[in-house]
């Protein structure tokens, strides 16, 4: 007869694997929910730069580099085309207004001068011959008029005599009429001669005036050609320093071609190229300063050029008050350009991290300094020393400011 065996109550060995499996599942679920799943990278602490976040005065300026140029300069241009035969003055030399800098030659211009001189000589000779011929004609007409007036006088006297004789019936009527006709004809001839003399005089005056005007025109033309020949000597228009001279002996230059420039060394400016990021903030009359030989010199923006080339725009700055001693064209100055007013802000020291993150995030150290975690931040303005933090960081926290190129997409760094 079978006997019923009662089951023992409590934990049995066969239950242990199930319990362990359940515990593991619970631990895994807890790790999924509460665990740190960020990717981790181990970093040597002595190879990174750690800076503290602080609150302080943010000075809104940028540091730019510019070259010294004279405020006033004159372009040196060729007024006449030709071939360079001599460079009288070299670059960097001081010149006075009127000094010859470059000599040119132009054979065609020399031939033009010879032709103009020959034409002028011919015209002068023609004028002399014309004047001589007119003078002869004038004398001849005066002689004819004298003879005509003499004939009038004689014919008048004969007519008056014959008139009395005819009235006394001492001569025939025909003799009287002939004397009368001779007198009247001589009077008419004399009047015609006087009119001719007037006309010839007017004609001579007009002809002489035209010829003299033509002669003056040729003289002016010759003068202009000679001035053009003189312009083959390129001269300094003002006193100053010859800055550049971009011609060589034997080179052909055309009229109006720029050969160089002359700098007026009584005042200077600094021309700087600024990143286009600041183009909306840089404007005329912004204050700037530079330090030279232990002295600060005040400056201001005098001109902002609108064109952007190669990601930069050009700006001219001038000195306000004193200028550095021994200032020279071409010197390089580092200038602090003030963009706005200073204010109290949370500050991050500048570092290479910005190139990788664009200022959108940064690695922040844990309180004990053993780890660093990626945190989103917002950066506002920046100057050569600091970034202005708008949100995401608090004074006293520490961050990694060195470059992030080797960190990849890791969100947690273990410092060792």
Protein backbone atom coordinates (compact mmCIF):
# COMPACT_ATOMS: atom_id res chain seq x y z
CA UNK A 1 0.00 0.00 0.00
CA UNK A 2 1.44 3.38 -1.18
CA UNK A 3 2.34 6.08 1.36
CA UNK A 4 1.73 9.78 0.69
CA UNK A 5 4.96 11.81 1.07
CA UNK A 6 4.41 15.42 2.21
CA UNK A 7 6.28 18.27 0.39
CA UNK A 8 8.75 20.26 2.48
CA UNK A 9 8.07 23.98 2.77
CA UNK A 10 10.76 26.71 2.23
CA UNK A 11 13.60 27.51 -0.19
CA UNK A 12 14.96 24.64 -2.09
CA UNK A 13 18.16 24.33 -4.12
CA UNK A 14 16.33 24.21 -7.38
CA UNK A 15 14.89 27.66 -6.70
CA UNK A 16 18.28 29.35 -6.33
CA UNK A 17 19.05 29.72 -10.07
CA UNK A 18 15.68 31.34 -10.64
CA UNK A 19 16.21 33.74 -7.80
CA UNK A 20 19.65 34.71 -9.04
CA UNK A 21 18.30 35.21 -12.57
CA UNK A 22 15.49 37.44 -11.31
CA UNK A 23 17.93 39.51 -9.25
CA UNK A 24 20.15 39.97 -12.27
CA UNK A 25 17.19 41.14 -14.37
CA UNK A 26 16.21 43.64 -11.71
CA UNK A 27 19.75 44.95 -11.47
CA UNK A 28 19.94 45.26 -15.25
CA UNK A 29 16.64 47.16 -15.41
CA UNK A 30 17.84 49.46 -12.63
CA UNK A 31 21.10 50.07 -14.47
CA UNK A 32 19.17 50.90 -17.62
CA UNK A 33 17.00 53.35 -15.75
CA UNK A 34 19.40 54.89 -13.27
CA UNK A 35 22.84 54.05 -14.61
CA UNK A 36 25.33 56.41 -16.35
CA UNK A 37 25.37 55.38 -20.03
CA UNK A 38 27.52 58.19 -21.37
CA UNK A 39 30.60 57.20 -23.36
CA UNK A 40 33.74 57.53 -21.31
CA UNK A 41 37.35 58.36 -22.15
CA UNK A 42 40.34 58.31 -19.85
CA UNK A 43 42.48 61.46 -20.05
CA UNK A 44 45.79 62.30 -18.41
CA UNK A 45 45.19 65.29 -16.18
CA UNK A 46 48.63 66.81 -16.65
CA UNK A 47 48.10 67.07 -20.42
CA UNK A 48 45.00 69.26 -20.28
CA UNK A 49 44.36 72.87 -19.26
CA UNK A 50 41.88 73.43 -16.46
CA UNK A 51 40.57 76.93 -15.76
CA UNK A 52 38.16 78.27 -13.17
CA UNK A 53 34.94 80.11 -13.99
CA UNK A 54 34.82 83.54 -12.39
CA UNK A 55 32.71 86.64 -12.36
CA UNK A 56 34.43 89.86 -13.29
CA UNK A 57 34.55 92.88 -15.58
CA UNK A 58 34.25 91.98 -19.25
CA UNK A 59 36.06 94.54 -21.38
CA UNK A 60 34.42 94.45 -24.84
CA UNK A 61 37.37 94.88 -27.20
CA UNK A 62 39.23 92.98 -29.88
CA UNK A 63 42.92 92.92 -30.69
CA UNK A 64 43.76 93.66 -34.28
CA UNK A 65 46.99 93.99 -36.23
CA UNK A 66 47.55 96.84 -38.67
CA UNK A 67 50.24 98.44 -40.81
CA UNK A 68 51.29 102.08 -40.70
CA UNK A 69 50.53 104.17 -43.78
CA UNK A 70 50.63 107.92 -44.41
CA UNK A 71 47.22 109.57 -44.33
CA UNK A 72 48.09 111.64 -47.40
CA UNK A 73 49.87 110.31 -50.47
CA UNK A 74 49.93 111.27 -54.13
CA UNK A 75 49.97 108.81 -56.99
CA UNK A 76 52.89 109.35 -59.36
CA UNK A 77 51.66 108.97 -62.95
CA UNK A 78 53.22 109.38 -66.40
CA UNK A 79 51.69 112.38 -68.17
CA UNK A 80 53.28 111.27 -71.44
CA UNK A 81 54.02 107.79 -72.77
CA UNK A 82 57.56 106.66 -73.52
CA UNK A 83 60.42 104.35 -72.63
CA UNK A 84 62.23 104.58 -69.30
CA UNK A 85 65.85 105.65 -69.80
CA UNK A 86 66.80 106.66 -66.24
CA UNK A 87 65.58 106.32 -62.66
CA UNK A 88 66.90 109.46 -61.03
CA UNK A 89 65.54 108.73 -57.52
CA UNK A 90 65.21 105.39 -55.74
CA UNK A 91 62.42 104.22 -53.42
CA UNK A 92 62.51 105.62 -49.90
CA UNK A 93 64.31 108.84 -50.88
CA UNK A 94 63.01 112.24 -49.81
CA UNK A 95 62.02 114.45 -52.74
CA UNK A 96 60.90 118.05 -53.20
CA UNK A 97 58.13 119.27 -55.47
CA UNK A 98 59.50 119.51 -59.02
CA UNK A 99 62.34 117.01 -58.59
CA UNK A 100 62.79 114.67 -61.56
CA UNK A 101 62.16 111.07 -60.56
CA UNK A 102 62.08 109.18 -63.88
CA UNK A 103 63.23 110.19 -67.36
CA UNK A 104 61.47 108.88 -70.47
CA UNK A 105 62.14 109.12 -74.19
CA UNK A 106 59.67 109.28 -77.07
CA UNK A 107 61.14 109.56 -80.63
CA UNK A 108 57.70 110.22 -82.14
CA UNK A 109 57.25 113.20 -79.87
CA UNK A 110 60.65 114.55 -80.87
CA UNK A 111 59.68 114.30 -84.55
CA UNK A 112 56.41 116.06 -83.78
CA UNK A 113 58.31 118.94 -82.20
CA UNK A 114 60.57 119.27 -85.27
CA UNK A 115 57.54 119.27 -87.58
CA UNK A 116 55.75 121.88 -85.47
CA UNK A 117 58.85 124.10 -85.48
CA UNK A 118 59.15 123.76 -89.28
CA UNK A 119 55.45 124.59 -89.77
CA UNK A 120 55.78 127.61 -87.50
CA UNK A 121 58.84 128.88 -89.37
CA UNK A 122 57.01 128.47 -92.68
CA UNK A 123 53.97 130.31 -91.38
CA UNK A 124 56.10 133.14 -90.01
CA UNK A 125 57.86 133.45 -93.39
CA UNK A 126 54.49 133.50 -95.20
CA UNK A 127 53.26 136.22 -92.90
CA UNK A 128 56.33 138.33 -93.56
CA UNK A 129 55.96 137.92 -97.31
CA UNK A 130 52.28 138.78 -97.15
CA UNK A 131 52.94 141.86 -95.04
CA UNK A 132 55.64 142.96 -97.48
CA UNK A 133 53.35 142.44 -100.45
CA UNK A 134 50.54 144.32 -98.75
CA UNK A 135 52.84 147.18 -97.89
CA UNK A 136 53.89 147.43 -101.52
CA UNK A 137 50.26 147.40 -102.61
CA UNK A 138 49.44 150.03 -100.02
CA UNK A 139 52.20 152.32 -101.31
CA UNK A 140 51.11 151.75 -104.90
CA UNK A 141 47.51 152.69 -104.09
CA UNK A 142 48.66 155.79 -102.24
CA UNK A 143 50.68 156.82 -105.30
CA UNK A 144 47.68 156.22 -107.54
CA UNK A 145 45.53 158.28 -105.22
CA UNK A 146 48.03 161.14 -105.21
CA UNK A 147 48.10 161.07 -108.99
CA UNK A 148 44.29 160.91 -109.08
CA UNK A 149 43.95 163.88 -106.74
CA UNK A 150 46.46 165.79 -108.88
CA UNK A 151 44.38 165.05 -111.99
CA UNK A 152 41.24 166.24 -110.22
CA UNK A 153 42.97 169.49 -109.25
CA UNK A 154 44.27 170.11 -112.77
CA UNK A 155 41.03 169.15 -114.48
CA UNK A 156 39.07 171.33 -112.07
CA UNK A 157 41.31 174.30 -112.79
CA UNK A 158 41.06 173.75 -116.56
CA UNK A 159 37.27 173.30 -116.31
CA UNK A 160 36.88 176.57 -114.38
CA UNK A 161 39.07 178.42 -116.86
CA UNK A 162 37.19 177.04 -119.88
CA UNK A 163 33.89 177.83 -118.19
CA UNK A 164 34.78 181.54 -117.97
CA UNK A 165 36.14 181.59 -121.51
CA UNK A 166 33.00 179.87 -122.77
CA UNK A 167 30.80 182.37 -120.98
CA UNK A 168 32.73 185.17 -122.79
CA UNK A 169 32.45 183.29 -126.09
CA UNK A 170 36.22 183.02 -126.29
CA UNK A 171 36.28 179.18 -126.80
CA UNK A 172 34.09 176.72 -128.53
CA UNK A 173 31.42 174.88 -126.61
CA UNK A 174 33.09 171.53 -127.36
CA UNK A 175 36.26 172.59 -125.57
CA UNK A 176 34.18 173.63 -122.57
CA UNK A 177 32.28 170.31 -122.53
CA UNK A 178 35.47 168.27 -122.84
CA UNK A 179 37.03 170.12 -119.91
CA UNK A 180 33.88 169.53 -117.88
CA UNK A 181 33.78 165.81 -118.73
CA UNK A 182 37.48 165.41 -117.91
CA UNK A 183 36.97 167.05 -114.50
CA UNK A 184 33.90 164.98 -113.62
CA UNK A 185 35.61 161.76 -114.76
CA UNK A 186 38.70 162.50 -112.69
CA UNK A 187 36.48 163.15 -109.65
CA UNK A 188 34.70 159.83 -110.12
CA UNK A 189 37.98 157.98 -110.61
CA UNK A 190 39.33 159.54 -107.44
CA UNK A 191 36.23 158.48 -105.49
CA UNK A 192 36.57 154.94 -106.82
CA UNK A 193 40.23 154.92 -105.84
CA UNK A 194 39.36 156.11 -102.34
CA UNK A 195 36.78 153.33 -102.02
CA UNK A 196 39.29 150.80 -103.33
CA UNK A 197 41.80 152.03 -100.81
CA UNK A 198 39.27 151.54 -97.99
CA UNK A 199 38.35 148.05 -99.20
CA UNK A 200 41.97 147.01 -99.57
CA UNK A 201 42.74 148.34 -96.11
CA UNK A 202 39.89 146.31 -94.58
CA UNK A 203 40.90 143.22 -96.53
CA UNK A 204 44.52 143.58 -95.45
CA UNK A 205 43.51 143.95 -91.81
CA UNK A 206 41.32 140.83 -91.96
CA UNK A 207 43.98 138.84 -93.77
CA UNK A 208 46.71 139.93 -91.38
CA UNK A 209 44.47 139.17 -88.39
CA UNK A 210 43.76 135.67 -89.72
CA UNK A 211 47.39 134.99 -90.40
CA UNK A 212 48.45 136.30 -87.01
CA UNK A 213 45.80 134.16 -85.32
CA UNK A 214 47.01 131.15 -87.28
CA UNK A 215 50.56 131.98 -86.26
CA UNK A 216 49.55 132.27 -82.60
CA UNK A 217 47.76 128.93 -82.85
CA UNK A 218 50.87 127.29 -84.23
CA UNK A 219 52.95 128.91 -81.49
CA UNK A 220 50.56 127.54 -78.85
CA UNK A 221 50.69 124.13 -80.48
CA UNK A 222 54.47 124.20 -80.45
CA UNK A 223 54.42 125.27 -76.81
CA UNK A 224 52.10 122.37 -75.94
CA UNK A 225 54.29 119.91 -77.81
CA UNK A 226 57.35 121.22 -75.99
CA UNK A 227 55.47 120.88 -72.69
CA UNK A 228 54.64 117.30 -73.64
CA UNK A 229 58.32 116.75 -74.31
CA UNK A 230 59.13 118.26 -70.91
CA UNK A 231 56.58 115.87 -69.37
CA UNK A 232 58.85 113.01 -70.40
CA UNK A 233 60.64 113.99 -67.19
CA UNK A 234 58.32 112.58 -64.52
CA UNK A 235 58.50 115.01 -61.60
CA UNK A 236 57.37 114.94 -57.99
CA UNK A 237 54.08 116.87 -57.65
CA UNK A 238 54.64 117.45 -53.90
CA UNK A 239 57.41 117.20 -51.35
CA UNK A 240 57.60 113.95 -49.40
CA UNK A 241 59.03 110.45 -49.43
CA UNK A 242 59.04 108.32 -52.56
CA UNK A 243 57.17 105.27 -51.31
CA UNK A 244 57.10 102.95 -54.31
CA UNK A 245 58.49 103.14 -57.84
CA UNK A 246 57.29 100.23 -59.98
CA UNK A 247 59.24 100.82 -63.23
CA UNK A 248 62.52 99.56 -64.63
CA UNK A 249 64.94 100.97 -67.22
CA UNK A 250 63.85 100.00 -70.72
CA UNK A 251 60.22 99.55 -69.72
CA UNK A 252 57.58 101.17 -71.91
CA UNK A 253 54.93 103.14 -70.05
CA UNK A 254 51.70 104.62 -71.38
CA UNK A 255 50.18 108.00 -70.65
CA UNK A 256 48.38 108.00 -67.30
CA UNK A 257 50.11 104.84 -66.07
CA UNK A 258 50.77 104.78 -62.30
CA UNK A 259 54.51 104.61 -61.63
CA UNK A 260 54.50 104.88 -57.83
CA UNK A 261 53.42 107.15 -55.00
CA UNK A 262 54.82 109.91 -52.81
CA UNK A 263 53.98 109.86 -49.11
CA UNK A 264 53.43 113.07 -47.17
CA UNK A 265 55.06 112.36 -43.82
CA UNK A 266 53.20 114.83 -41.62
CA UNK A 267 50.52 112.40 -40.37
CA UNK A 268 49.93 108.67 -40.32
CA UNK A 269 47.14 106.11 -40.12
CA UNK A 270 47.03 102.39 -39.36
CA UNK A 271 45.24 100.13 -41.82
CA UNK A 272 43.93 96.88 -40.33
CA UNK A 273 42.06 93.83 -41.63
CA UNK A 274 39.27 92.70 -39.26
CA UNK A 275 37.29 89.44 -39.26
CA UNK A 276 33.90 89.84 -40.96
CA UNK A 277 32.26 88.60 -37.73
CA UNK A 278 32.65 92.14 -36.36
CA UNK A 279 31.53 94.09 -39.42
CA UNK A 280 28.22 95.11 -37.84
CA UNK A 281 29.93 96.36 -34.68
CA UNK A 282 32.83 98.33 -36.12
CA UNK A 283 31.89 101.88 -37.03
CA UNK A 284 33.48 105.27 -37.47
CA UNK A 285 34.88 107.04 -34.36
CA UNK A 286 35.18 103.86 -32.23
CA UNK A 287 37.95 104.30 -29.66
CA UNK A 288 41.16 102.27 -29.85
CA UNK A 289 44.58 102.26 -28.26
CA UNK A 290 48.04 100.79 -28.69
CA UNK A 291 51.03 100.40 -26.43
CA UNK A 292 54.42 101.38 -27.78
CA UNK A 293 57.64 101.63 -25.78
CA UNK A 294 55.68 101.60 -22.52
CA UNK A 295 53.34 104.41 -23.58
CA UNK A 296 49.65 104.15 -24.51
CA UNK A 297 48.53 106.08 -27.58
CA UNK A 298 44.89 106.86 -28.24
CA UNK A 299 43.36 106.18 -31.65
CA UNK A 300 39.95 106.10 -33.31
CA UNK A 301 38.38 104.53 -36.39
CA UNK A 302 38.41 107.05 -39.24
CA UNK A 303 37.02 104.87 -42.05
CA UNK A 304 35.35 101.46 -42.45
CA UNK A 305 35.46 99.98 -45.94
CA UNK A 306 32.24 98.15 -46.96
CA UNK A 307 33.82 95.39 -49.05
CA UNK A 308 34.59 91.99 -47.52
CA UNK A 309 37.43 90.02 -49.09
CA UNK A 310 38.72 86.69 -47.86
CA UNK A 311 36.51 86.86 -44.78
CA UNK A 312 37.92 90.23 -43.69
CA UNK A 313 37.13 93.89 -44.13
CA UNK A 314 39.48 96.87 -44.12
CA UNK A 315 39.51 99.65 -41.53
CA UNK A 316 41.61 102.81 -41.18
CA UNK A 317 42.49 104.16 -37.73
CA UNK A 318 44.12 107.51 -36.96
CA UNK A 319 45.95 108.82 -33.90
CA UNK A 320 44.21 111.13 -31.44
CA UNK A 321 46.90 113.37 -30.02
CA UNK A 322 50.50 112.16 -29.87
CA UNK A 323 52.01 109.55 -32.17
CA UNK A 324 54.84 107.10 -31.37
CA UNK A 325 58.35 108.38 -31.96
CA UNK A 326 60.22 107.14 -35.04
CA UNK A 327 56.99 105.94 -36.63
CA UNK A 328 57.64 104.55 -40.11
CA UNK A 329 55.52 103.52 -43.06
CA UNK A 330 55.05 99.74 -43.10
CA UNK A 331 55.46 99.18 -39.35
CA UNK A 332 53.11 96.66 -37.74
CA UNK A 333 51.12 97.68 -34.66
CA UNK A 334 48.86 95.59 -32.41
CA UNK A 335 45.81 97.64 -31.47
CA UNK A 336 43.01 97.18 -28.95
CA UNK A 337 39.74 98.25 -30.59
CA UNK A 338 36.96 99.02 -28.09
CA UNK A 339 33.63 97.67 -29.37
CA UNK A 340 31.38 98.47 -26.41
CA UNK A 341 31.07 99.30 -22.72
CA UNK A 342 32.51 97.09 -19.97
CA UNK A 343 30.11 95.15 -17.72
CA UNK A 344 30.08 92.47 -15.01
CA UNK A 345 29.82 88.96 -16.50
CA UNK A 346 30.63 85.29 -15.91
CA UNK A 347 33.94 84.68 -17.68
CA UNK A 348 35.76 81.72 -19.24
CA UNK A 349 39.47 82.19 -20.05
CA UNK A 350 40.08 81.78 -23.77
CA UNK A 351 41.19 78.36 -24.95
CA UNK A 352 41.38 76.00 -27.89
CA UNK A 353 38.13 74.25 -26.92
CA UNK A 354 36.19 76.96 -28.77
CA UNK A 355 37.49 75.76 -32.14
CA UNK A 356 35.93 72.33 -31.58
CA UNK A 357 32.69 73.34 -29.89
CA UNK A 358 31.94 76.76 -31.35
CA UNK A 359 31.16 77.83 -27.78
CA UNK A 360 28.04 75.60 -27.64
CA UNK A 361 29.30 73.18 -24.98
CA UNK A 362 32.23 72.53 -22.69
CA UNK A 363 33.60 69.84 -20.32
CA UNK A 364 32.88 70.77 -16.69
CA UNK A 365 34.82 69.07 -13.87
CA UNK A 366 33.09 67.26 -11.04
CA UNK A 367 33.50 68.76 -7.54
CA UNK A 368 36.27 66.29 -6.65
CA UNK A 369 38.05 66.90 -9.98
CA UNK A 370 38.18 63.21 -10.92
CA UNK A 371 35.77 63.43 -13.86
CA UNK A 372 34.53 65.94 -16.44
CA UNK A 373 31.12 65.98 -18.07
CA UNK A 374 29.94 67.59 -21.27
CA UNK A 375 27.55 70.49 -20.65
CA UNK A 376 25.67 72.77 -23.04
CA UNK A 377 26.50 76.45 -22.57
CA UNK A 378 25.84 79.73 -24.33
CA UNK A 379 28.64 82.20 -25.02
CA UNK A 380 28.09 85.85 -25.89
CA UNK A 381 30.88 88.29 -26.66
CA UNK A 382 34.59 87.56 -26.53
CA UNK A 383 37.82 89.49 -26.21
CA UNK A 384 41.48 88.40 -26.44
CA UNK A 385 41.37 87.12 -22.81
CA UNK A 386 37.88 85.87 -22.02
CA UNK A 387 34.59 84.52 -23.35
CA UNK A 388 31.43 86.02 -21.86
CA UNK A 389 29.11 83.26 -20.52
CA UNK A 390 25.40 83.94 -20.92
CA UNK A 391 24.14 80.67 -19.44
CA UNK A 392 25.27 77.17 -18.44
CA UNK A 393 28.10 77.90 -15.98
CA UNK A 394 28.45 79.36 -12.53
CA UNK A 395 31.40 81.13 -10.89
CA UNK A 396 33.67 78.69 -9.04
CA UNK A 397 33.17 75.78 -11.44
CA UNK A 398 36.17 74.43 -13.30
CA UNK A 399 36.28 73.60 -17.01
CA UNK A 400 38.70 72.13 -19.53
CA UNK A 401 39.80 74.90 -21.96
CA UNK A 402 42.42 73.03 -23.98
CA UNK A 403 41.60 71.49 -27.35
CA UNK A 404 38.99 68.74 -27.74
CA UNK A 405 40.25 67.22 -30.99
CA UNK A 406 41.15 63.87 -29.37
CA UNK A 407 37.92 63.44 -27.37
CA UNK A 408 35.64 62.46 -30.25
CA UNK A 409 31.98 62.09 -29.24
CA UNK A 410 32.72 61.09 -25.64
CA UNK A 411 30.51 62.83 -23.09
CA UNK A 412 32.48 61.88 -19.95
CA UNK A 413 36.16 62.14 -19.23
CA UNK A 414 37.89 60.27 -16.44
CA UNK A 415 40.90 62.24 -15.25
CA UNK A 416 43.86 60.26 -14.00
